[in-house]
Amino acid sequence: MAKKKKKDPIAASINKAMKKAISSITKPIMQIIKYFKCGINKIINLPKCIIFYIFDIIIGTFFLFWSLIASLIPGLKDLGKIIWKSLKMLDKYIYKFTGIHILRYSRSILKRCYLC
């Protein structure tokens, strides 16, 4: 019968430390590569997505001014909530009958223009 080899605890801890060191170096490099590829992809898709980005800027600017005015005039805040609830309900009905949301982008647009 062959003798079992005893594991060297020092070698095992060195091996573990090396794996951890290599992992701590490669993970950030892989993240950088991932974000670089994502950035290139966003640049390539820019002509297809620019209209959505412009639309977001316009809507964001509108809501910024609305929030500023609503903070100065308390009644407008409640009116804004009522309008938003109505729009969400309208979105549900439109989606139910057409399959299209009016308050958010489709999954394909989100994937192509906003997500990595």
Protein backbone atom coordinates (compact mmCIF):
# COMPACT_ATOMS: atom_id res chain seq x y z
CA MET A 1 0.00 0.00 0.00
CA ALA A 2 1.27 3.45 -0.95
CA LYS A 3 1.77 6.06 1.70
CA LYS A 4 -0.42 9.13 1.54
CA LYS A 5 1.47 12.32 0.94
CA LYS A 6 1.11 14.85 3.69
CA LYS A 7 0.06 18.28 2.53
CA ASP A 8 2.55 20.95 3.37
CA PRO A 9 0.64 23.71 5.21
CA ILE A 10 3.16 26.34 4.15
CA ALA A 11 2.87 25.38 0.48
CA ALA A 12 -0.93 25.37 0.75
CA SER A 13 -1.00 28.85 2.28
CA ILE A 14 1.45 30.15 -0.34
CA ASN A 15 -0.72 28.63 -3.08
CA LYS A 16 -3.83 30.25 -1.59
CA ALA A 17 -2.09 33.62 -1.30
CA MET A 18 -0.88 33.43 -4.92
CA LYS A 19 -4.38 32.63 -6.18
CA LYS A 20 -5.78 35.56 -4.19
CA ALA A 21 -3.06 37.91 -5.49
CA ILE A 22 -3.61 36.87 -9.11
CA SER A 23 -7.37 37.22 -8.70
CA SER A 24 -7.02 40.67 -7.15
CA ILE A 25 -4.98 41.74 -10.19
CA THR A 26 -7.06 40.10 -12.93
CA LYS A 27 -10.52 41.12 -11.69
CA PRO A 28 -9.93 44.89 -12.01
CA ILE A 29 -8.26 44.39 -15.40
CA MET A 30 -11.26 42.38 -16.62
CA GLN A 31 -13.60 45.12 -15.35
CA ILE A 32 -11.60 47.77 -17.20
CA ILE A 33 -11.77 45.70 -20.40
CA LYS A 34 -15.52 45.20 -19.90
CA TYR A 35 -16.15 48.95 -19.47
CA PHE A 36 -13.89 49.77 -22.42
CA LYS A 37 -15.86 47.38 -24.65
CA CYS A 38 -19.09 48.90 -23.33
CA GLY A 39 -17.86 52.42 -24.13
CA ILE A 40 -16.90 51.39 -27.67
CA ASN A 41 -20.32 49.79 -28.09
CA LYS A 42 -22.04 52.99 -26.91
CA ILE A 43 -20.00 55.06 -29.38
CA ILE A 44 -20.93 52.68 -32.22
CA ASN A 45 -24.63 52.85 -31.25
CA LEU A 46 -24.62 56.63 -30.78
CA PRO A 47 -26.32 57.41 -34.13
CA LYS A 48 -29.14 54.97 -33.28
CA CYS A 49 -29.48 56.21 -29.68
CA ILE A 50 -28.97 59.97 -29.95
CA ILE A 51 -32.71 60.64 -30.28
CA PHE A 52 -33.37 58.83 -26.99
CA TYR A 53 -30.58 60.75 -25.24
CA ILE A 54 -31.95 64.08 -26.52
CA PHE A 55 -35.46 63.08 -25.44
CA ASP A 56 -34.12 62.22 -21.95
CA ILE A 57 -32.40 65.61 -21.71
CA ILE A 58 -35.60 67.43 -22.70
CA ILE A 59 -37.77 65.46 -20.27
CA GLY A 60 -35.17 65.79 -17.49
CA THR A 61 -34.97 69.55 -18.00
CA PHE A 62 -38.77 69.81 -17.93
CA PHE A 63 -38.96 67.83 -14.68
CA LEU A 64 -36.16 69.89 -13.17
CA PHE A 65 -38.11 73.11 -13.77
CA TRP A 66 -41.38 71.46 -12.71
CA SER A 67 -39.77 70.34 -9.43
CA LEU A 68 -38.37 73.81 -8.83
CA ILE A 69 -41.73 75.49 -9.46
CA ALA A 70 -43.62 72.80 -7.50
CA SER A 71 -41.35 73.33 -4.50
CA LEU A 72 -42.27 77.02 -4.51
CA ILE A 73 -46.01 76.45 -5.05
CA PRO A 74 -47.20 73.60 -2.76
CA GLY A 75 -50.38 72.82 -4.70
CA LEU A 76 -48.42 71.93 -7.82
CA LYS A 77 -46.67 69.06 -6.05
CA ASP A 78 -50.01 67.34 -5.46
CA LEU A 79 -51.10 68.09 -9.02
CA GLY A 80 -47.89 66.52 -10.29
CA LYS A 81 -48.56 63.35 -8.28
CA ILE A 82 -52.10 63.13 -9.67
CA ILE A 83 -50.86 63.60 -13.24
CA TRP A 84 -48.11 60.99 -12.74
CA LYS A 85 -50.59 58.42 -11.34
CA SER A 86 -52.90 59.08 -14.29
CA LEU A 87 -50.05 58.64 -16.76
CA LYS A 88 -49.03 55.36 -15.11
CA MET A 89 -52.60 54.08 -15.35
CA LEU A 90 -52.79 55.17 -19.00
CA ASP A 91 -49.47 53.41 -19.64
CA LYS A 92 -50.87 50.17 -18.18
CA TYR A 93 -53.93 50.30 -20.46
CA ILE A 94 -51.95 51.16 -23.56
CA TYR A 95 -49.48 48.36 -22.82
CA LYS A 96 -52.33 45.92 -22.22
CA PHE A 97 -53.79 46.56 -25.68
CA THR A 98 -50.71 47.39 -27.78
CA GLY A 99 -47.73 45.90 -25.94
CA ILE A 100 -46.00 49.30 -25.96
CA HIS A 101 -45.12 51.37 -22.89
CA ILE A 102 -45.36 55.16 -23.14
CA LEU A 103 -43.46 55.88 -19.91
CA ARG A 104 -40.38 53.73 -20.47
CA TYR A 105 -38.22 52.40 -23.22
CA SER A 106 -38.45 48.88 -24.57
CA ARG A 107 -35.98 46.25 -23.44
CA SER A 108 -34.15 46.36 -26.78
CA ILE A 109 -33.63 50.14 -26.55
CA LEU A 110 -32.46 49.86 -22.95
CA LYS A 111 -29.99 47.12 -23.88
CA ARG A 112 -28.66 48.92 -26.95
CA CYS A 113 -28.47 52.46 -25.56
CA TYR A 114 -28.32 52.38 -21.75
CA LEU A 115 -27.09 49.04 -20.39
CA CYS A 116 -23.77 47.26 -20.75
